[in-house]
Amino acid sequence: MRRGRFERKIGHMHEALADADRRVVGTKQLLRALDEGKIAHAFVANDADLLLTKRVVDRCYDMNIPCTQVESMEKLGRACGIDVKAAAAGLLR
């Protein structure tokens, strides 16, 4: 049963991140948008460099913004509709 919920959540992530006007991709852009208060939900890849993703996760925690871990950088990049891997991405408010 838990697996079904996870798949639905990932399906929702794909739909939301596919809209280029409502997302930011990349750690630097995400951190900048977080500082500007523009992010509603963040996503970080489990296989990304911990030094990069820890900054995003900590900032989200401090700002009480949901942050979801994604299985891989490749899957996160694909969800964003880009041809390269992505360590982090975020949905704009």
Protein backbone atom coordinates (compact mmCIF):
# COMPACT_ATOMS: atom_id res chain seq x y z
CA MET A 1 0.00 0.00 0.00
CA ARG A 2 2.80 2.44 0.81
CA ARG A 3 4.36 1.87 -2.58
CA GLY A 4 1.16 3.04 -4.29
CA ARG A 5 1.22 6.33 -2.38
CA PHE A 6 4.86 6.87 -3.32
CA GLU A 7 4.09 6.30 -7.00
CA ARG A 8 1.21 8.78 -6.89
CA LYS A 9 3.48 11.34 -5.24
CA ILE A 10 6.11 10.81 -7.95
CA GLY A 11 3.43 11.09 -10.63
CA HIS A 12 2.35 14.42 -9.14
CA MET A 13 5.98 15.54 -9.06
CA HIS A 14 6.33 14.80 -12.77
CA GLU A 15 3.25 16.85 -13.63
CA ALA A 16 4.22 19.79 -11.45
CA LEU A 17 7.89 19.98 -12.45
CA ALA A 18 7.15 19.63 -16.16
CA ASP A 19 5.77 23.19 -16.26
CA ALA A 20 8.86 25.32 -16.96
CA ASP A 21 7.11 28.51 -15.78
CA ARG A 22 6.46 27.09 -12.31
CA ARG A 23 9.83 25.56 -11.44
CA VAL A 24 13.50 26.20 -10.87
CA VAL A 25 16.18 23.58 -11.55
CA GLY A 26 19.61 23.39 -9.98
CA THR A 27 20.96 23.93 -6.51
CA LYS A 28 22.09 27.53 -6.98
CA GLN A 29 18.81 28.65 -8.54
CA LEU A 30 16.81 26.80 -5.89
CA LEU A 31 18.77 28.34 -3.00
CA ARG A 32 18.34 31.80 -4.53
CA ALA A 33 14.59 31.28 -4.97
CA LEU A 34 14.31 29.96 -1.40
CA ASP A 35 16.01 33.11 -0.10
CA GLU A 36 13.53 35.20 -2.09
CA GLY A 37 10.56 33.27 -0.65
CA LYS A 38 9.44 31.97 -4.04
CA ILE A 39 9.46 28.20 -3.41
CA ALA A 40 6.43 26.16 -2.36
CA HIS A 41 8.05 22.69 -2.47
CA ALA A 42 11.61 21.48 -3.03
CA PHE A 43 12.98 18.21 -4.39
CA VAL A 44 16.50 16.84 -3.92
CA ALA A 45 18.09 13.74 -5.45
CA ASN A 46 19.35 11.02 -3.09
CA ASP A 47 22.45 10.37 -5.20
CA ALA A 48 23.52 14.02 -5.43
CA ASP A 49 26.52 15.44 -3.58
CA LEU A 50 25.58 15.70 0.10
CA LEU A 51 27.32 19.07 0.45
CA LEU A 52 24.93 20.51 -2.14
CA THR A 53 21.69 18.91 -1.04
CA LYS A 54 22.29 19.44 2.69
CA ARG A 55 22.20 23.21 2.16
CA VAL A 56 18.84 22.90 0.38
CA VAL A 57 17.35 20.53 2.96
CA ASP A 58 18.54 22.68 5.87
CA ARG A 59 17.19 25.86 4.30
CA CYS A 60 13.82 24.20 3.62
CA TYR A 61 13.68 22.95 7.20
CA ASP A 62 14.45 26.42 8.57
CA MET A 63 11.77 27.97 6.36
CA ASN A 64 9.19 25.20 6.96
CA ILE A 65 9.02 24.32 3.26
CA PRO A 66 8.35 20.70 2.27
CA CYS A 67 11.38 18.96 0.77
CA THR A 68 11.02 15.57 -0.92
CA GLN A 69 13.87 13.22 -1.67
CA VAL A 70 13.84 11.71 -5.15
CA GLU A 71 15.49 8.41 -6.04
CA SER A 72 18.09 9.77 -8.47
CA MET A 73 19.41 12.85 -10.22
CA GLU A 74 18.45 11.27 -13.53
CA LYS A 75 14.81 10.87 -12.48
CA LEU A 76 14.66 14.42 -11.15
CA GLY A 77 16.11 15.79 -14.40
CA ARG A 78 13.63 13.74 -16.41
CA ALA A 79 10.74 15.00 -14.24
CA CYS A 80 11.87 18.57 -14.98
CA GLY A 81 11.82 17.85 -18.71
CA ILE A 82 15.56 18.39 -19.18
CA ASP A 83 18.10 16.11 -20.83
CA VAL A 84 20.64 16.28 -18.00
CA LYS A 85 20.68 15.18 -14.38
CA ALA A 86 19.50 17.56 -11.65
CA ALA A 87 20.56 17.57 -7.99
CA ALA A 88 17.70 19.82 -6.87
CA ALA A 89 14.54 21.46 -8.16
CA GLY A 90 11.68 23.45 -6.73
CA LEU A 91 8.10 24.41 -7.43
CA LEU A 92 7.40 28.12 -7.44
CA ARG A 93 4.54 29.53 -5.37
